[in-house]
Amino acid sequence: MLELKDKKLCRICGEEKEPSEFYLNPRNKDGLISYCKKCSKENSKEWAKNHPDKIAIFNRRYKRKHPQHDLASYTRKRINSKEKKVIKLLEEIKKLKSLLSGIIKT
């Protein structure tokens, strides 16, 4: 069973923090990784900055495996749906203008 302590020491920054400020790792005795979320994020960003080739390979593989998550096609779909909504609104405005002009003339 996992032991939850009041505080945990981050191995990178050396600060004592709440257990909620650490990611989970069921392999560790306390069930948490040894460095806080903030340090983990900074570490990940630094690694990504130093390994752009590996990031590019990962991104290519991911896009190949998950074409539905392609940002460009998602953006195009969003734009097309917004354009359709705008066109529909413009048509409704034209109808309303013609109705108003008929009412005002009489």
N, C-alpha and C. Protein backbone atom coordinates (compact mmCIF):
# COMPACT_ATOMS: atom_id res chain seq x y z
N MET A 1 0.84 -1.19 0.00
CA MET A 1 0.00 0.00 0.00
C MET A 1 0.89 1.25 0.00
N LEU A 2 0.43 2.30 -0.66
CA LEU A 2 1.21 3.53 -0.77
C LEU A 2 1.12 4.35 0.50
N GLU A 3 2.26 4.91 0.90
CA GLU A 3 2.26 5.81 2.05
C GLU A 3 2.21 7.24 1.54
N LEU A 4 1.29 8.03 2.05
CA LEU A 4 1.23 9.43 1.67
C LEU A 4 1.72 10.28 2.83
N LYS A 5 2.79 11.00 2.58
CA LYS A 5 3.35 11.89 3.60
C LYS A 5 2.79 13.29 3.39
N ASP A 6 3.02 14.14 4.38
CA ASP A 6 2.55 15.52 4.28
C ASP A 6 3.33 16.29 3.23
N LYS A 7 4.63 16.07 3.16
CA LYS A 7 5.51 16.79 2.23
C LYS A 7 6.46 15.81 1.56
N LYS A 8 6.99 16.22 0.41
CA LYS A 8 7.97 15.41 -0.31
C LYS A 8 9.04 16.35 -0.83
N LEU A 9 10.28 15.89 -0.82
CA LEU A 9 11.41 16.69 -1.25
C LEU A 9 11.68 16.47 -2.73
N CYS A 10 11.74 17.55 -3.51
CA CYS A 10 12.07 17.47 -4.92
C CYS A 10 13.58 17.29 -5.06
N ARG A 11 14.00 16.30 -5.85
CA ARG A 11 15.43 16.01 -6.00
C ARG A 11 16.14 17.03 -6.89
N ILE A 12 15.39 17.81 -7.67
CA ILE A 12 16.03 18.79 -8.55
C ILE A 12 16.15 20.15 -7.87
N CYS A 13 15.03 20.70 -7.42
CA CYS A 13 15.08 22.04 -6.81
C CYS A 13 15.35 22.00 -5.31
N GLY A 14 15.17 20.85 -4.68
CA GLY A 14 15.45 20.71 -3.27
C GLY A 14 14.38 21.26 -2.34
N GLU A 15 13.23 21.67 -2.89
CA GLU A 15 12.15 22.23 -2.06
C GLU A 15 11.23 21.13 -1.56
N GLU A 16 10.70 21.32 -0.37
CA GLU A 16 9.67 20.41 0.15
C GLU A 16 8.33 20.90 -0.37
N LYS A 17 7.57 19.98 -0.98
CA LYS A 17 6.29 20.36 -1.58
C LYS A 17 5.22 19.34 -1.23
N GLU A 18 3.98 19.72 -1.49
CA GLU A 18 2.83 18.84 -1.27
C GLU A 18 2.91 17.67 -2.26
N PRO A 19 2.40 16.50 -1.89
CA PRO A 19 2.40 15.35 -2.80
C PRO A 19 1.64 15.63 -4.11
N SER A 20 0.65 16.53 -4.07
CA SER A 20 -0.11 16.86 -5.28
C SER A 20 0.74 17.59 -6.32
N GLU A 21 1.91 18.08 -5.91
CA GLU A 21 2.80 18.79 -6.83
C GLU A 21 3.80 17.85 -7.50
N PHE A 22 3.54 16.53 -7.41
CA PHE A 22 4.38 15.52 -8.04
C PHE A 22 3.52 14.62 -8.91
N TYR A 23 4.08 14.18 -10.04
CA TYR A 23 3.36 13.23 -10.89
C TYR A 23 3.42 11.84 -10.25
N LEU A 24 2.48 10.99 -10.63
CA LEU A 24 2.41 9.64 -10.10
C LEU A 24 3.42 8.72 -10.76
N ASN A 25 3.95 7.79 -9.98
CA ASN A 25 4.81 6.74 -10.49
C ASN A 25 4.63 5.52 -9.58
N PRO A 26 3.83 4.56 -10.01
CA PRO A 26 3.52 3.42 -9.15
C PRO A 26 4.74 2.56 -8.81
N ARG A 27 5.84 2.72 -9.50
CA ARG A 27 7.04 1.92 -9.20
C ARG A 27 7.77 2.41 -7.95
N ASN A 28 7.59 3.68 -7.61
CA ASN A 28 8.24 4.21 -6.41
C ASN A 28 7.45 3.84 -5.17
N LYS A 29 8.15 3.76 -4.07
CA LYS A 29 7.54 3.34 -2.80
C LYS A 29 6.36 4.24 -2.41
N ASP A 30 6.54 5.55 -2.58
CA ASP A 30 5.46 6.48 -2.20
C ASP A 30 4.47 6.73 -3.34
N GLY A 31 4.73 6.15 -4.52
CA GLY A 31 3.82 6.29 -5.66
C GLY A 31 3.99 7.57 -6.44
N LEU A 32 5.04 8.33 -6.17
CA LEU A 32 5.27 9.62 -6.84
C LEU A 32 6.67 9.64 -7.45
N ILE A 33 6.84 10.45 -8.52
CA ILE A 33 8.19 10.59 -9.06
C ILE A 33 9.03 11.43 -8.10
N SER A 34 10.34 11.45 -8.31
CA SER A 34 11.22 12.08 -7.32
C SER A 34 11.41 13.59 -7.53
N TYR A 35 10.84 14.15 -8.60
CA TYR A 35 10.95 15.60 -8.78
C TYR A 35 9.57 16.18 -9.06
N CYS A 36 9.40 17.44 -8.68
CA CYS A 36 8.09 18.09 -8.75
C CYS A 36 7.65 18.34 -10.20
N LYS A 37 6.37 18.68 -10.36
CA LYS A 37 5.81 18.91 -11.69
C LYS A 37 6.51 20.07 -12.39
N LYS A 38 6.80 21.12 -11.65
CA LYS A 38 7.47 22.29 -12.24
C LYS A 38 8.83 21.90 -12.80
N CYS A 39 9.63 21.19 -11.99
CA CYS A 39 10.96 20.76 -12.44
C CYS A 39 10.85 19.76 -13.58
N SER A 40 9.83 18.91 -13.53
CA SER A 40 9.62 17.92 -14.58
C SER A 40 9.35 18.62 -15.91
N LYS A 41 8.49 19.64 -15.88
CA LYS A 41 8.17 20.38 -17.10
C LYS A 41 9.40 21.09 -17.65
N GLU A 42 10.15 21.74 -16.76
CA GLU A 42 11.36 22.44 -17.20
C GLU A 42 12.37 21.46 -17.79
N ASN A 43 12.49 20.30 -17.15
CA ASN A 43 13.40 19.27 -17.62
C ASN A 43 12.98 18.77 -19.01
N SER A 44 11.69 18.57 -19.21
CA SER A 44 11.17 18.12 -20.49
C SER A 44 11.41 19.16 -21.59
N LYS A 45 11.17 20.43 -21.26
CA LYS A 45 11.41 21.50 -22.24
C LYS A 45 12.88 21.57 -22.63
N GLU A 46 13.75 21.45 -21.65
CA GLU A 46 15.19 21.49 -21.90
C GLU A 46 15.61 20.32 -22.78
N TRP A 47 15.08 19.13 -22.48
CA TRP A 47 15.41 17.95 -23.27
C TRP A 47 14.95 18.14 -24.71
N ALA A 48 13.72 18.65 -24.88
CA ALA A 48 13.17 18.85 -26.22
C ALA A 48 14.01 19.86 -27.01
N LYS A 49 14.47 20.90 -26.31
CA LYS A 49 15.30 21.92 -26.95
C LYS A 49 16.64 21.33 -27.42
N ASN A 50 17.18 20.40 -26.64
CA ASN A 50 18.47 19.79 -26.96
C ASN A 50 18.36 18.61 -27.92
N HIS A 51 17.15 18.11 -28.19
CA HIS A 51 16.96 16.94 -29.05
C HIS A 51 15.87 17.18 -30.10
N PRO A 52 16.00 18.22 -30.93
CA PRO A 52 14.95 18.51 -31.91
C PRO A 52 14.77 17.39 -32.93
N ASP A 53 15.85 16.67 -33.24
CA ASP A 53 15.76 15.57 -34.19
C ASP A 53 14.87 14.45 -33.66
N LYS A 54 14.99 14.13 -32.40
CA LYS A 54 14.16 13.08 -31.80
C LYS A 54 12.71 13.52 -31.71
N ILE A 55 12.50 14.78 -31.42
CA ILE A 55 11.13 15.32 -31.36
C ILE A 55 10.49 15.24 -32.75
N ALA A 56 11.25 15.58 -33.79
CA ALA A 56 10.73 15.53 -35.16
C ALA A 56 10.34 14.11 -35.54
N ILE A 57 11.18 13.13 -35.17
CA ILE A 57 10.88 11.73 -35.46
C ILE A 57 9.60 11.31 -34.74
N PHE A 58 9.50 11.67 -33.47
CA PHE A 58 8.30 11.33 -32.69
C PHE A 58 7.05 11.94 -33.34
N ASN A 59 7.14 13.22 -33.71
CA ASN A 59 5.98 13.91 -34.30
C ASN A 59 5.56 13.27 -35.62
N ARG A 60 6.54 12.90 -36.46
CA ARG A 60 6.21 12.24 -37.73
C ARG A 60 5.50 10.91 -37.48
N ARG A 61 6.03 10.12 -36.56
CA ARG A 61 5.41 8.82 -36.25
C ARG A 61 3.99 9.01 -35.70
N TYR A 62 3.84 9.98 -34.83
CA TYR A 62 2.53 10.23 -34.23
C TYR A 62 1.53 10.64 -35.31
N LYS A 63 1.93 11.56 -36.19
CA LYS A 63 1.02 12.02 -37.25
C LYS A 63 0.64 10.89 -38.19
N ARG A 64 1.60 10.00 -38.46
CA ARG A 64 1.32 8.86 -39.32
C ARG A 64 0.32 7.92 -38.66
N LYS A 65 0.49 7.70 -37.36
CA LYS A 65 -0.39 6.79 -36.61
C LYS A 65 -1.76 7.39 -36.33
N HIS A 66 -1.83 8.72 -36.15
CA HIS A 66 -3.06 9.39 -35.75
C HIS A 66 -3.39 10.53 -36.72
N PRO A 67 -3.76 10.21 -37.95
CA PRO A 67 -4.03 11.29 -38.93
C PRO A 67 -5.21 12.16 -38.52
N GLN A 68 -6.11 11.64 -37.70
CA GLN A 68 -7.27 12.43 -37.26
C GLN A 68 -6.86 13.58 -36.36
N HIS A 69 -5.64 13.54 -35.80
CA HIS A 69 -5.17 14.60 -34.92
C HIS A 69 -4.31 15.63 -35.63
N ASP A 70 -4.31 15.57 -36.96
CA ASP A 70 -3.51 16.51 -37.74
C ASP A 70 -4.06 17.92 -37.55
N LEU A 71 -3.23 18.82 -37.05
CA LEU A 71 -3.66 20.18 -36.72
C LEU A 71 -4.14 20.94 -37.95
N ALA A 72 -3.47 20.77 -39.08
CA ALA A 72 -3.85 21.51 -40.29
C ALA A 72 -5.27 21.14 -40.74
N SER A 73 -5.58 19.84 -40.77
CA SER A 73 -6.91 19.44 -41.22
C SER A 73 -7.96 19.87 -40.19
N TYR A 74 -7.62 19.80 -38.91
CA TYR A 74 -8.55 20.24 -37.87
C TYR A 74 -8.85 21.73 -38.04
N THR A 75 -7.81 22.53 -38.29
CA THR A 75 -7.99 23.97 -38.47
C THR A 75 -8.85 24.25 -39.70
N ARG A 76 -8.59 23.53 -40.81
CA ARG A 76 -9.40 23.71 -42.02
C ARG A 76 -10.86 23.40 -41.74
N LYS A 77 -11.12 22.31 -41.02
CA LYS A 77 -12.51 21.94 -40.71
C LYS A 77 -13.18 23.02 -39.87
N ARG A 78 -12.44 23.56 -38.90
CA ARG A 78 -13.00 24.62 -38.06
C ARG A 78 -13.32 25.86 -38.88
N ILE A 79 -12.40 26.23 -39.77
CA ILE A 79 -12.61 27.42 -40.61
C ILE A 79 -13.81 27.20 -41.51
N ASN A 80 -13.88 26.02 -42.14
CA ASN A 80 -15.01 25.73 -43.03
C ASN A 80 -16.34 25.78 -42.29
N SER A 81 -16.39 25.25 -41.07
CA SER A 81 -17.64 25.28 -40.32
C SER A 81 -17.99 26.71 -39.94
N LYS A 82 -16.98 27.51 -39.61
CA LYS A 82 -17.25 28.92 -39.28
C LYS A 82 -17.72 29.68 -40.51
N GLU A 83 -17.11 29.39 -41.67
CA GLU A 83 -17.53 30.05 -42.90
C GLU A 83 -18.99 29.72 -43.20
N LYS A 84 -19.36 28.46 -43.02
CA LYS A 84 -20.75 28.06 -43.27
C LYS A 84 -21.70 28.80 -42.35
N LYS A 85 -21.32 28.96 -41.09
CA LYS A 85 -22.16 29.68 -40.14
C LYS A 85 -22.32 31.14 -40.55
N VAL A 86 -21.23 31.75 -40.99
CA VAL A 86 -21.26 33.16 -41.40
C VAL A 86 -22.14 33.32 -42.64
N ILE A 87 -21.99 32.42 -43.59
CA ILE A 87 -22.81 32.48 -44.81
C ILE A 87 -24.29 32.34 -44.46
N LYS A 88 -24.60 31.42 -43.56
CA LYS A 88 -25.99 31.22 -43.13
C LYS A 88 -26.53 32.49 -42.46
N LEU A 89 -25.72 33.11 -41.60
CA LEU A 89 -26.14 34.34 -40.94
C LEU A 89 -26.36 35.47 -41.95
N LEU A 90 -25.48 35.58 -42.94
CA LEU A 90 -25.64 36.61 -43.96
C LEU A 90 -26.93 36.41 -44.76
N GLU A 91 -27.25 35.16 -45.06
CA GLU A 91 -28.49 34.88 -45.78
C GLU A 91 -29.70 35.28 -44.94
N GLU A 92 -29.64 34.99 -43.64
CA GLU A 92 -30.74 35.37 -42.75
C GLU A 92 -30.87 36.88 -42.67
N ILE A 93 -29.76 37.59 -42.66
CA ILE A 93 -29.78 39.05 -42.61
C ILE A 93 -30.43 39.60 -43.88
N LYS A 94 -30.10 39.03 -45.04
CA LYS A 94 -30.71 39.46 -46.30
C LYS A 94 -32.22 39.27 -46.27
N LYS A 95 -32.66 38.11 -45.75
CA LYS A 95 -34.10 37.85 -45.65
C LYS A 95 -34.77 38.88 -44.75
N LEU A 96 -34.16 39.15 -43.61
CA LEU A 96 -34.72 40.12 -42.67
C LEU A 96 -34.77 41.51 -43.29
N LYS A 97 -33.73 41.90 -44.03
CA LYS A 97 -33.72 43.22 -44.68
C LYS A 97 -34.85 43.33 -45.68
N SER A 98 -35.05 42.26 -46.46
CA SER A 98 -36.13 42.32 -47.46
C SER A 98 -37.50 42.38 -46.77
N LEU A 99 -37.65 41.65 -45.67
CA LEU A 99 -38.91 41.72 -44.91
C LEU A 99 -39.13 43.12 -44.34
N LEU A 100 -38.08 43.69 -43.78
CA LEU A 100 -38.19 45.04 -43.20
C LEU A 100 -38.48 46.08 -44.28
N SER A 101 -37.81 45.95 -45.41
CA SER A 101 -38.05 46.94 -46.46
C SER A 101 -39.49 46.85 -46.95
N GLY A 102 -40.07 45.65 -47.00
CA GLY A 102 -41.47 45.47 -47.39
C GLY A 102 -42.42 46.08 -46.37
N ILE A 103 -42.07 45.95 -45.10
CA ILE A 103 -42.92 46.49 -44.02
C ILE A 103 -42.83 48.01 -44.01
N ILE A 104 -41.65 48.57 -44.20
CA ILE A 104 -41.45 50.01 -44.13
C ILE A 104 -42.12 50.71 -45.32
N LYS A 105 -42.12 50.10 -46.53
CA LYS A 105 -42.73 50.71 -47.70
C LYS A 105 -44.25 50.81 -47.58
N THR A 106 -44.88 49.90 -46.87
CA THR A 106 -46.34 49.93 -46.77
C THR A 106 -46.84 50.79 -45.67
